[in-house]
Structure formats: C-alpha cells, structure tokens
Amino acid sequence: PARDLNSREAALLASILPNPRRRSAARP
C-alpha cells in the first residue's frame, strides 16, 4: 500500500510520472 512506501520507492514512482506507460518503477 501507498502508506508503506519508503523514500527510494517514492522516488522511483515520482520518476515515472511524466510517462508511466513507457517507464517502470518496478523494473527501472
């Protein structure tokens, strides 16, 4: 869940926001 995200995971999600269809936080 979103409540358990750590700082690295949050940063990976922020990094894919411009194009989440082509970027992946799970497999960056």
mmCIF file of all heavy atoms, coordinates in Angstrom:
data_MODEL
# 
_entry.id   MODEL 
# 
loop_
_atom_site.group_PDB 
_atom_site.id 
_atom_site.type_symbol 
_atom_site.label_atom_id 
_atom_site.label_alt_id 
_atom_site.label_comp_id 
_atom_site.label_asym_id 
_atom_site.label_entity_id 
_atom_site.label_seq_id 
_atom_site.pdbx_PDB_ins_code 
_atom_site.Cartn_x 
_atom_site.Cartn_y 
_atom_site.Cartn_z 
_atom_site.occupancy 
_atom_site.B_iso_or_equiv 
_atom_site.pdbx_formal_charge 
_atom_site.auth_seq_id 
_atom_site.auth_comp_id 
_atom_site.auth_asym_id 
_atom_site.auth_atom_id 
_atom_site.pdbx_PDB_model_num 
ATOM 1   N N   . PRO A 1 1  ? 0.828  -1.216 0.000   1.00 0.00 ? 1  PRO A N   1 
ATOM 2   C CA  . PRO A 1 1  ? 0.000  0.000  0.000   1.00 0.00 ? 1  PRO A CA  1 
ATOM 3   C C   . PRO A 1 1  ? 0.856  1.259  0.000   1.00 0.00 ? 1  PRO A C   1 
ATOM 4   O O   . PRO A 1 1  ? 2.031  1.244  0.398   1.00 0.00 ? 1  PRO A O   1 
ATOM 5   C CB  . PRO A 1 1  ? -0.809 -0.123 1.288   1.00 0.00 ? 1  PRO A CB  1 
ATOM 6   C CG  . PRO A 1 1  ? 0.010  -1.001 2.169   1.00 0.00 ? 1  PRO A CG  1 
ATOM 7   C CD  . PRO A 1 1  ? 0.716  -1.955 1.272   1.00 0.00 ? 1  PRO A CD  1 
ATOM 8   N N   . ALA A 1 2  ? 0.259  2.355  -0.419  1.00 0.00 ? 2  ALA A N   1 
ATOM 9   C CA  . ALA A 1 2  ? 0.983  3.626  -0.505  1.00 0.00 ? 2  ALA A CA  1 
ATOM 10  C C   . ALA A 1 2  ? 1.484  4.089  0.852   1.00 0.00 ? 2  ALA A C   1 
ATOM 11  O O   . ALA A 1 2  ? 2.470  4.821  0.927   1.00 0.00 ? 2  ALA A O   1 
ATOM 12  C CB  . ALA A 1 2  ? 0.088  4.693  -1.140  1.00 0.00 ? 2  ALA A CB  1 
ATOM 13  N N   . ARG A 1 3  ? 0.823  3.687  1.931   1.00 0.00 ? 3  ARG A N   1 
ATOM 14  C CA  . ARG A 1 3  ? 1.255  4.136  3.261   1.00 0.00 ? 3  ARG A CA  1 
ATOM 15  C C   . ARG A 1 3  ? 2.597  3.541  3.659   1.00 0.00 ? 3  ARG A C   1 
ATOM 16  O O   . ARG A 1 3  ? 3.277  4.054  4.557   1.00 0.00 ? 3  ARG A O   1 
ATOM 17  C CB  . ARG A 1 3  ? 0.193  3.774  4.313   1.00 0.00 ? 3  ARG A CB  1 
ATOM 18  C CG  . ARG A 1 3  ? 0.034  2.293  4.554   1.00 0.00 ? 3  ARG A CG  1 
ATOM 19  C CD  . ARG A 1 3  ? -0.886 1.994  5.731   1.00 0.00 ? 3  ARG A CD  1 
ATOM 20  N NE  . ARG A 1 3  ? -1.038 0.561  5.942   1.00 0.00 ? 3  ARG A NE  1 
ATOM 21  C CZ  . ARG A 1 3  ? -1.983 -0.187 5.383   1.00 0.00 ? 3  ARG A CZ  1 
ATOM 22  N NH1 . ARG A 1 3  ? -2.867 0.379  4.586   1.00 0.00 ? 3  ARG A NH1 1 
ATOM 23  N NH2 . ARG A 1 3  ? -2.049 -1.477 5.599   1.00 0.00 ? 3  ARG A NH2 1 
ATOM 24  N N   . ASP A 1 4  ? 3.021  2.439  2.990   1.00 0.00 ? 4  ASP A N   1 
ATOM 25  C CA  . ASP A 1 4  ? 4.249  1.751  3.382   1.00 0.00 ? 4  ASP A CA  1 
ATOM 26  C C   . ASP A 1 4  ? 5.432  2.053  2.457   1.00 0.00 ? 4  ASP A C   1 
ATOM 27  O O   . ASP A 1 4  ? 6.489  1.434  2.594   1.00 0.00 ? 4  ASP A O   1 
ATOM 28  C CB  . ASP A 1 4  ? 4.019  0.231  3.394   1.00 0.00 ? 4  ASP A CB  1 
ATOM 29  C CG  . ASP A 1 4  ? 3.059  -0.190 4.494   1.00 0.00 ? 4  ASP A CG  1 
ATOM 30  O OD1 . ASP A 1 4  ? 2.921  0.559  5.481   1.00 0.00 ? 4  ASP A OD1 1 
ATOM 31  O OD2 . ASP A 1 4  ? 2.438  -1.259 4.358   1.00 0.00 ? 4  ASP A OD2 1 
ATOM 32  N N   . LEU A 1 5  ? 5.284  3.005  1.547   1.00 0.00 ? 5  LEU A N   1 
ATOM 33  C CA  . LEU A 1 5  ? 6.376  3.311  0.626   1.00 0.00 ? 5  LEU A CA  1 
ATOM 34  C C   . LEU A 1 5  ? 7.549  3.951  1.361   1.00 0.00 ? 5  LEU A C   1 
ATOM 35  O O   . LEU A 1 5  ? 7.369  4.839  2.188   1.00 0.00 ? 5  LEU A O   1 
ATOM 36  C CB  . LEU A 1 5  ? 5.889  4.271  -0.462  1.00 0.00 ? 5  LEU A CB  1 
ATOM 37  C CG  . LEU A 1 5  ? 4.880  3.718  -1.476  1.00 0.00 ? 5  LEU A CG  1 
ATOM 38  C CD1 . LEU A 1 5  ? 4.321  4.850  -2.315  1.00 0.00 ? 5  LEU A CD1 1 
ATOM 39  C CD2 . LEU A 1 5  ? 5.517  2.646  -2.355  1.00 0.00 ? 5  LEU A CD2 1 
ATOM 40  N N   . ASN A 1 6  ? 8.747  3.506  1.031   1.00 0.00 ? 6  ASN A N   1 
ATOM 41  C CA  . ASN A 1 6  ? 9.929  4.161  1.590   1.00 0.00 ? 6  ASN A CA  1 
ATOM 42  C C   . ASN A 1 6  ? 10.411 5.240  0.628   1.00 0.00 ? 6  ASN A C   1 
ATOM 43  O O   . ASN A 1 6  ? 9.843  5.443  -0.455  1.00 0.00 ? 6  ASN A O   1 
ATOM 44  C CB  . ASN A 1 6  ? 11.027 3.139  1.893   1.00 0.00 ? 6  ASN A CB  1 
ATOM 45  C CG  . ASN A 1 6  ? 11.489 2.371  0.654   1.00 0.00 ? 6  ASN A CG  1 
ATOM 46  O OD1 . ASN A 1 6  ? 11.601 2.935  -0.433  1.00 0.00 ? 6  ASN A OD1 1 
ATOM 47  N ND2 . ASN A 1 6  ? 11.755 1.072  0.829   1.00 0.00 ? 6  ASN A ND2 1 
ATOM 48  N N   . SER A 1 7  ? 11.484 5.919  0.995   1.00 0.00 ? 7  SER A N   1 
ATOM 49  C CA  . SER A 1 7  ? 11.922 7.066  0.204   1.00 0.00 ? 7  SER A CA  1 
ATOM 50  C C   . SER A 1 7  ? 12.400 6.658  -1.189  1.00 0.00 ? 7  SER A C   1 
ATOM 51  O O   . SER A 1 7  ? 12.184 7.384  -2.168  1.00 0.00 ? 7  SER A O   1 
ATOM 52  C CB  . SER A 1 7  ? 13.027 7.820  0.946   1.00 0.00 ? 7  SER A CB  1 
ATOM 53  O OG  . SER A 1 7  ? 14.154 6.990  1.155   1.00 0.00 ? 7  SER A OG  1 
ATOM 54  N N   . ARG A 1 8  ? 13.060 5.519  -1.306  1.00 0.00 ? 8  ARG A N   1 
ATOM 55  C CA  . ARG A 1 8  ? 13.533 5.073  -2.625  1.00 0.00 ? 8  ARG A CA  1 
ATOM 56  C C   . ARG A 1 8  ? 12.366 4.708  -3.532  1.00 0.00 ? 8  ARG A C   1 
ATOM 57  O O   . ARG A 1 8  ? 12.349 5.060  -4.718  1.00 0.00 ? 8  ARG A O   1 
ATOM 58  C CB  . ARG A 1 8  ? 14.470 3.876  -2.465  1.00 0.00 ? 8  ARG A CB  1 
ATOM 59  C CG  . ARG A 1 8  ? 15.065 3.371  -3.782  1.00 0.00 ? 8  ARG A CG  1 
ATOM 60  C CD  . ARG A 1 8  ? 15.899 4.443  -4.458  1.00 0.00 ? 8  ARG A CD  1 
ATOM 61  N NE  . ARG A 1 8  ? 16.503 3.969  -5.701  1.00 0.00 ? 8  ARG A NE  1 
ATOM 62  C CZ  . ARG A 1 8  ? 17.241 4.727  -6.494  1.00 0.00 ? 8  ARG A CZ  1 
ATOM 63  N NH1 . ARG A 1 8  ? 17.462 5.996  -6.189  1.00 0.00 ? 8  ARG A NH1 1 
ATOM 64  N NH2 . ARG A 1 8  ? 17.757 4.243  -7.613  1.00 0.00 ? 8  ARG A NH2 1 
ATOM 65  N N   . GLU A 1 9  ? 11.405 3.984  -2.994  1.00 0.00 ? 9  GLU A N   1 
ATOM 66  C CA  . GLU A 1 9  ? 10.231 3.611  -3.789  1.00 0.00 ? 9  GLU A CA  1 
ATOM 67  C C   . GLU A 1 9  ? 9.435  4.846  -4.210  1.00 0.00 ? 9  GLU A C   1 
ATOM 68  O O   . GLU A 1 9  ? 8.959  4.933  -5.350  1.00 0.00 ? 9  GLU A O   1 
ATOM 69  C CB  . GLU A 1 9  ? 9.356  2.640  -2.987  1.00 0.00 ? 9  GLU A CB  1 
ATOM 70  C CG  . GLU A 1 9  ? 10.014 1.286  -2.768  1.00 0.00 ? 9  GLU A CG  1 
ATOM 71  C CD  . GLU A 1 9  ? 9.378  0.492  -1.645  1.00 0.00 ? 9  GLU A CD  1 
ATOM 72  O OE1 . GLU A 1 9  ? 8.635  1.087  -0.823  1.00 0.00 ? 9  GLU A OE1 1 
ATOM 73  O OE2 . GLU A 1 9  ? 9.644  -0.722 -1.564  1.00 0.00 ? 9  GLU A OE2 1 
ATOM 74  N N   . ALA A 1 10 ? 9.301  5.798  -3.308  1.00 0.00 ? 10 ALA A N   1 
ATOM 75  C CA  . ALA A 1 10 ? 8.605  7.044  -3.641  1.00 0.00 ? 10 ALA A CA  1 
ATOM 76  C C   . ALA A 1 10 ? 9.332  7.770  -4.765  1.00 0.00 ? 10 ALA A C   1 
ATOM 77  O O   . ALA A 1 10 ? 8.702  8.314  -5.687  1.00 0.00 ? 10 ALA A O   1 
ATOM 78  C CB  . ALA A 1 10 ? 8.507  7.937  -2.406  1.00 0.00 ? 10 ALA A CB  1 
ATOM 79  N N   . ALA A 1 11 ? 10.667 7.788  -4.710  1.00 0.00 ? 11 ALA A N   1 
ATOM 80  C CA  . ALA A 1 11 ? 11.439 8.468  -5.749  1.00 0.00 ? 11 ALA A CA  1 
ATOM 81  C C   . ALA A 1 11 ? 11.295 7.763  -7.091  1.00 0.00 ? 11 ALA A C   1 
ATOM 82  O O   . ALA A 1 11 ? 11.232 8.413  -8.142  1.00 0.00 ? 11 ALA A O   1 
ATOM 83  C CB  . ALA A 1 11 ? 12.906 8.533  -5.329  1.00 0.00 ? 11 ALA A CB  1 
ATOM 84  N N   . LEU A 1 12 ? 11.233 6.448  -7.088  1.00 0.00 ? 12 LEU A N   1 
ATOM 85  C CA  . LEU A 1 12 ? 11.032 5.708  -8.344  1.00 0.00 ? 12 LEU A CA  1 
ATOM 86  C C   . LEU A 1 12 ? 9.667  6.028  -8.942  1.00 0.00 ? 12 LEU A C   1 
ATOM 87  O O   . LEU A 1 12 ? 9.540  6.220  -10.160 1.00 0.00 ? 12 LEU A O   1 
ATOM 88  C CB  . LEU A 1 12 ? 11.179 4.208  -8.100  1.00 0.00 ? 12 LEU A CB  1 
ATOM 89  C CG  . LEU A 1 12 ? 12.604 3.710  -7.863  1.00 0.00 ? 12 LEU A CG  1 
ATOM 90  C CD1 . LEU A 1 12 ? 12.599 2.282  -7.333  1.00 0.00 ? 12 LEU A CD1 1 
ATOM 91  C CD2 . LEU A 1 12 ? 13.428 3.790  -9.147  1.00 0.00 ? 12 LEU A CD2 1 
ATOM 92  N N   . LEU A 1 13 ? 8.641  6.113  -8.099  1.00 0.00 ? 13 LEU A N   1 
ATOM 93  C CA  . LEU A 1 13 ? 7.305  6.459  -8.604  1.00 0.00 ? 13 LEU A CA  1 
ATOM 94  C C   . LEU A 1 13 ? 7.275  7.887  -9.129  1.00 0.00 ? 13 LEU A C   1 
ATOM 95  O O   . LEU A 1 13 ? 6.650  8.162  -10.159 1.00 0.00 ? 13 LEU A O   1 
ATOM 96  C CB  . LEU A 1 13 ? 6.261  6.266  -7.502  1.00 0.00 ? 13 LEU A CB  1 
ATOM 97  C CG  . LEU A 1 13 ? 5.928  4.816  -7.143  1.00 0.00 ? 13 LEU A CG  1 
ATOM 98  C CD1 . LEU A 1 13 ? 4.912  4.767  -5.995  1.00 0.00 ? 13 LEU A CD1 1 
ATOM 99  C CD2 . LEU A 1 13 ? 5.384  4.055  -8.350  1.00 0.00 ? 13 LEU A CD2 1 
ATOM 100 N N   . ALA A 1 14 ? 7.925  8.800  -8.451  1.00 0.00 ? 14 ALA A N   1 
ATOM 101 C CA  . ALA A 1 14 ? 7.976  10.177 -8.935  1.00 0.00 ? 14 ALA A CA  1 
ATOM 102 C C   . ALA A 1 14 ? 8.700  10.261 -10.274 1.00 0.00 ? 14 ALA A C   1 
ATOM 103 O O   . ALA A 1 14 ? 8.358  11.096 -11.124 1.00 0.00 ? 14 ALA A O   1 
ATOM 104 C CB  . ALA A 1 14 ? 8.674  11.065 -7.906  1.00 0.00 ? 14 ALA A CB  1 
ATOM 105 N N   . SER A 1 15 ? 9.662  9.384  -10.498 1.00 0.00 ? 15 SER A N   1 
ATOM 106 C CA  . SER A 1 15 ? 10.462 9.422  -11.723 1.00 0.00 ? 15 SER A CA  1 
ATOM 107 C C   . SER A 1 15 ? 9.688  8.973  -12.953 1.00 0.00 ? 15 SER A C   1 
ATOM 108 O O   . SER A 1 15 ? 10.052 9.333  -14.074 1.00 0.00 ? 15 SER A O   1 
ATOM 109 C CB  . SER A 1 15 ? 11.703 8.540  -11.565 1.00 0.00 ? 15 SER A CB  1 
ATOM 110 O OG  . SER A 1 15 ? 12.502 8.980  -10.496 1.00 0.00 ? 15 SER A OG  1 
ATOM 111 N N   . ILE A 1 16 ? 8.643  8.171  -12.765 1.00 0.00 ? 16 ILE A N   1 
ATOM 112 C CA  . ILE A 1 16 ? 7.914  7.674  -13.930 1.00 0.00 ? 16 ILE A CA  1 
ATOM 113 C C   . ILE A 1 16 ? 6.681  8.508  -14.246 1.00 0.00 ? 16 ILE A C   1 
ATOM 114 O O   . ILE A 1 16 ? 6.016  8.278  -15.267 1.00 0.00 ? 16 ILE A O   1 
ATOM 115 C CB  . ILE A 1 16 ? 7.503  6.187  -13.755 1.00 0.00 ? 16 ILE A CB  1 
ATOM 116 C CG1 . ILE A 1 16 ? 6.431  6.027  -12.678 1.00 0.00 ? 16 ILE A CG1 1 
ATOM 117 C CG2 . ILE A 1 16 ? 8.726  5.324  -13.450 1.00 0.00 ? 16 ILE A CG2 1 
ATOM 118 C CD1 . ILE A 1 16 ? 5.776  4.660  -12.679 1.00 0.00 ? 16 ILE A CD1 1 
ATOM 119 N N   . LEU A 1 17 ? 6.358  9.506  -13.409 1.00 0.00 ? 17 LEU A N   1 
ATOM 120 C CA  . LEU A 1 17 ? 5.140  10.291 -13.613 1.00 0.00 ? 17 LEU A CA  1 
ATOM 121 C C   . LEU A 1 17 ? 5.017  10.911 -15.009 1.00 0.00 ? 17 LEU A C   1 
ATOM 122 O O   . LEU A 1 17 ? 3.916  10.907 -15.570 1.00 0.00 ? 17 LEU A O   1 
ATOM 123 C CB  . LEU A 1 17 ? 5.038  11.390 -12.549 1.00 0.00 ? 17 LEU A CB  1 
ATOM 124 C CG  . LEU A 1 17 ? 4.207  11.066 -11.318 1.00 0.00 ? 17 LEU A CG  1 
ATOM 125 C CD1 . LEU A 1 17 ? 4.244  12.223 -10.334 1.00 0.00 ? 17 LEU A CD1 1 
ATOM 126 C CD2 . LEU A 1 17 ? 2.767  10.745 -11.693 1.00 0.00 ? 17 LEU A CD2 1 
ATOM 127 N N   . PRO A 1 18 ? 6.075  11.430 -15.608 1.00 0.00 ? 18 PRO A N   1 
ATOM 128 C CA  . PRO A 1 18 ? 5.871  12.038 -16.929 1.00 0.00 ? 18 PRO A CA  1 
ATOM 129 C C   . PRO A 1 18 ? 5.418  11.054 -18.000 1.00 0.00 ? 18 PRO A C   1 
ATOM 130 O O   . PRO A 1 18 ? 4.745  11.434 -18.946 1.00 0.00 ? 18 PRO A O   1 
ATOM 131 C CB  . PRO A 1 18 ? 7.258  12.606 -17.264 1.00 0.00 ? 18 PRO A CB  1 
ATOM 132 C CG  . PRO A 1 18 ? 7.936  12.760 -15.950 1.00 0.00 ? 18 PRO A CG  1 
ATOM 133 C CD  . PRO A 1 18 ? 7.424  11.638 -15.109 1.00 0.00 ? 18 PRO A CD  1 
ATOM 134 N N   . ASN A 1 19 ? 5.777  9.782  -17.858 1.00 0.00 ? 19 ASN A N   1 
ATOM 135 C CA  . ASN A 1 19 ? 5.430  8.806  -18.890 1.00 0.00 ? 19 ASN A CA  1 
ATOM 136 C C   . ASN A 1 19 ? 5.328  7.403  -18.299 1.00 0.00 ? 19 ASN A C   1 
ATOM 137 O O   . ASN A 1 19 ? 6.182  6.547  -18.546 1.00 0.00 ? 19 ASN A O   1 
ATOM 138 C CB  . ASN A 1 19 ? 6.471  8.825  -20.017 1.00 0.00 ? 19 ASN A CB  1 
ATOM 139 C CG  . ASN A 1 19 ? 5.952  8.158  -21.280 1.00 0.00 ? 19 ASN A CG  1 
ATOM 140 O OD1 . ASN A 1 19 ? 4.988  7.406  -21.245 1.00 0.00 ? 19 ASN A OD1 1 
ATOM 141 N ND2 . ASN A 1 19 ? 6.603  8.431  -22.394 1.00 0.00 ? 19 ASN A ND2 1 
ATOM 142 N N   . PRO A 1 20 ? 4.279  7.129  -17.516 1.00 0.00 ? 20 PRO A N   1 
ATOM 143 C CA  . PRO A 1 20 ? 4.187  5.835  -16.833 1.00 0.00 ? 20 PRO A CA  1 
ATOM 144 C C   . PRO A 1 20 ? 3.886  4.669  -17.761 1.00 0.00 ? 20 PRO A C   1 
ATOM 145 O O   . PRO A 1 20 ? 3.944  3.513  -17.339 1.00 0.00 ? 20 PRO A O   1 
ATOM 146 C CB  . PRO A 1 20 ? 3.043  6.063  -15.839 1.00 0.00 ? 20 PRO A CB  1 
ATOM 147 C CG  . PRO A 1 20 ? 2.198  7.121  -16.478 1.00 0.00 ? 20 PRO A CG  1 
ATOM 148 C CD  . PRO A 1 20 ? 3.166  8.020  -17.182 1.00 0.00 ? 20 PRO A CD  1 
ATOM 149 N N   . ARG A 1 21 ? 3.536  4.959  -19.020 1.00 0.00 ? 21 ARG A N   1 
ATOM 150 C CA  . ARG A 1 21 ? 3.283  3.854  -19.951 1.00 0.00 ? 21 ARG A CA  1 
ATOM 151 C C   . ARG A 1 21 ? 4.575  3.290  -20.530 1.00 0.00 ? 21 ARG A C   1 
ATOM 152 O O   . ARG A 1 21 ? 4.610  2.158  -21.004 1.00 0.00 ? 21 ARG A O   1 
ATOM 153 C CB  . ARG A 1 21 ? 2.369  4.316  -21.088 1.00 0.00 ? 21 ARG A CB  1 
ATOM 154 C CG  . ARG A 1 21 ? 1.007  4.789  -20.600 1.00 0.00 ? 21 ARG A CG  1 
ATOM 155 C CD  . ARG A 1 21 ? 0.069  5.077  -21.744 1.00 0.00 ? 21 ARG A CD  1 
ATOM 156 N NE  . ARG A 1 21 ? -1.145 5.737  -21.266 1.00 0.00 ? 21 ARG A NE  1 
ATOM 157 C CZ  . ARG A 1 21 ? -2.225 5.945  -22.014 1.00 0.00 ? 21 ARG A CZ  1 
ATOM 158 N NH1 . ARG A 1 21 ? -2.227 5.551  -23.276 1.00 0.00 ? 21 ARG A NH1 1 
ATOM 159 N NH2 . ARG A 1 21 ? -3.280 6.565  -21.510 1.00 0.00 ? 21 ARG A NH2 1 
ATOM 160 N N   . ARG A 1 22 ? 5.633  4.093  -20.483 1.00 0.00 ? 22 ARG A N   1 
ATOM 161 C CA  . ARG A 1 22 ? 6.905  3.635  -21.046 1.00 0.00 ? 22 ARG A CA  1 
ATOM 162 C C   . ARG A 1 22 ? 7.984  3.457  -19.981 1.00 0.00 ? 22 ARG A C   1 
ATOM 163 O O   . ARG A 1 22 ? 8.990  2.808  -20.225 1.00 0.00 ? 22 ARG A O   1 
ATOM 164 C CB  . ARG A 1 22 ? 7.402  4.632  -22.099 1.00 0.00 ? 22 ARG A CB  1 
ATOM 165 C CG  . ARG A 1 22 ? 6.453  4.784  -23.270 1.00 0.00 ? 22 ARG A CG  1 
ATOM 166 C CD  . ARG A 1 22 ? 7.040  5.621  -24.375 1.00 0.00 ? 22 ARG A CD  1 
ATOM 167 N NE  . ARG A 1 22 ? 8.217  4.987  -24.958 1.00 0.00 ? 22 ARG A NE  1 
ATOM 168 C CZ  . ARG A 1 22 ? 8.910  5.508  -25.962 1.00 0.00 ? 22 ARG A CZ  1 
ATOM 169 N NH1 . ARG A 1 22 ? 8.566  6.685  -26.475 1.00 0.00 ? 22 ARG A NH1 1 
ATOM 170 N NH2 . ARG A 1 22 ? 9.969  4.878  -26.448 1.00 0.00 ? 22 ARG A NH2 1 
ATOM 171 N N   . ARG A 1 23 ? 7.788  4.043  -18.809 1.00 0.00 ? 23 ARG A N   1 
ATOM 172 C CA  . ARG A 1 23 ? 8.747  3.895  -17.720 1.00 0.00 ? 23 ARG A CA  1 
ATOM 173 C C   . ARG A 1 23 ? 8.162  2.978  -16.659 1.00 0.00 ? 23 ARG A C   1 
ATOM 174 O O   . ARG A 1 23 ? 6.945  2.924  -16.481 1.00 0.00 ? 23 ARG A O   1 
ATOM 175 C CB  . ARG A 1 23 ? 9.079  5.246  -17.096 1.00 0.00 ? 23 ARG A CB  1 
ATOM 176 C CG  . ARG A 1 23 ? 9.716  6.237  -18.050 1.00 0.00 ? 23 ARG A CG  1 
ATOM 177 C CD  . ARG A 1 23 ? 9.969  7.553  -17.342 1.00 0.00 ? 23 ARG A CD  1 
ATOM 178 N NE  . ARG A 1 23 ? 10.523 8.572  -18.231 1.00 0.00 ? 23 ARG A NE  1 
ATOM 179 C CZ  . ARG A 1 23 ? 10.825 9.800  -17.850 1.00 0.00 ? 23 ARG A CZ  1 
ATOM 180 N NH1 . ARG A 1 23 ? 10.640 10.159 -16.586 1.00 0.00 ? 23 ARG A NH1 1 
ATOM 181 N NH2 . ARG A 1 23 ? 11.316 10.670 -18.714 1.00 0.00 ? 23 ARG A NH2 1 
ATOM 182 N N   . SER A 1 24 ? 9.023  2.303  -15.937 1.00 0.00 ? 24 SER A N   1 
ATOM 183 C CA  . SER A 1 24 ? 8.577  1.358  -14.910 1.00 0.00 ? 24 SER A CA  1 
ATOM 184 C C   . SER A 1 24 ? 9.315  1.605  -13.602 1.00 0.00 ? 24 SER A C   1 
ATOM 185 O O   . SER A 1 24 ? 10.550 1.711  -13.585 1.00 0.00 ? 24 SER A O   1 
ATOM 186 C CB  . SER A 1 24 ? 8.822  -0.083 -15.368 1.00 0.00 ? 24 SER A CB  1 
ATOM 187 O OG  . SER A 1 24 ? 8.567  -0.997 -14.322 1.00 0.00 ? 24 SER A OG  1 
ATOM 188 N N   . ALA A 1 25 ? 8.550  1.696  -12.515 1.00 0.00 ? 25 ALA A N   1 
ATOM 189 C CA  . ALA A 1 25 ? 9.166  1.787  -11.191 1.00 0.00 ? 25 ALA A CA  1 
ATOM 190 C C   . ALA A 1 25 ? 9.545  0.411  -10.671 1.00 0.00 ? 25 ALA A C   1 
ATOM 191 O O   . ALA A 1 25 ? 10.487 0.276  -9.888  1.00 0.00 ? 25 ALA A O   1 
ATOM 192 C CB  . ALA A 1 25 ? 8.197  2.460  -10.220 1.00 0.00 ? 25 ALA A CB  1 
ATOM 193 N N   . ALA A 1 26 ? 8.825  -0.615 -11.107 1.00 0.00 ? 26 ALA A N   1 
ATOM 194 C CA  . ALA A 1 26 ? 9.135  -1.974 -10.665 1.00 0.00 ? 26 ALA A CA  1 
ATOM 195 C C   . ALA A 1 26 ? 10.403 -2.494 -11.323 1.00 0.00 ? 26 ALA A C   1 
ATOM 196 O O   . ALA A 1 26 ? 11.195 -3.217 -10.700 1.00 0.00 ? 26 ALA A O   1 
ATOM 197 C CB  . ALA A 1 26 ? 7.962  -2.906 -10.985 1.00 0.00 ? 26 ALA A CB  1 
ATOM 198 N N   . ARG A 1 27 ? 10.608 -2.139 -12.600 1.00 0.00 ? 27 ARG A N   1 
ATOM 199 C CA  . ARG A 1 27 ? 11.794 -2.558 -13.339 1.00 0.00 ? 27 ARG A CA  1 
ATOM 200 C C   . ARG A 1 27 ? 12.448 -1.312 -13.949 1.00 0.00 ? 27 ARG A C   1 
ATOM 201 O O   . ARG A 1 27 ? 12.415 -1.113 -15.174 1.00 0.00 ? 27 ARG A O   1 
ATOM 202 C CB  . ARG A 1 27 ? 11.421 -3.571 -14.421 1.00 0.00 ? 27 ARG A CB  1 
ATOM 203 C CG  . ARG A 1 27 ? 10.875 -4.877 -13.864 1.00 0.00 ? 27 ARG A CG  1 
ATOM 204 C CD  . ARG A 1 27 ? 10.393 -5.807 -14.957 1.00 0.00 ? 27 ARG A CD  1 
ATOM 205 N NE  . ARG A 1 27 ? 9.255  -5.215 -15.659 1.00 0.00 ? 27 ARG A NE  1 
ATOM 206 C CZ  . ARG A 1 27 ? 8.007  -5.242 -15.203 1.00 0.00 ? 27 ARG A CZ  1 
ATOM 207 N NH1 . ARG A 1 27 ? 7.736  -5.826 -14.059 1.00 0.00 ? 27 ARG A NH1 1 
ATOM 208 N NH2 . ARG A 1 27 ? 7.035  -4.697 -15.907 1.00 0.00 ? 27 ARG A NH2 1 
ATOM 209 N N   . PRO A 1 28 ? 13.031 -0.481 -13.119 1.00 0.00 ? 28 PRO A N   1 
ATOM 210 C CA  . PRO A 1 28 ? 13.555 0.806  -13.615 1.00 0.00 ? 28 PRO A CA  1 
ATOM 211 C C   . PRO A 1 28 ? 14.800 0.636  -14.467 1.00 0.00 ? 28 PRO A C   1 
ATOM 212 O O   . PRO A 1 28 ? 15.696 -0.141 -14.140 1.00 0.00 ? 28 PRO A O   1 
ATOM 213 C CB  . PRO A 1 28 ? 13.865 1.569  -12.323 1.00 0.00 ? 28 PRO A CB  1 
ATOM 214 C CG  . PRO A 1 28 ? 14.138 0.511  -11.314 1.00 0.00 ? 28 PRO A CG  1 
ATOM 215 C CD  . PRO A 1 28 ? 13.235 -0.630 -11.665 1.00 0.00 ? 28 PRO A CD  1 
# 
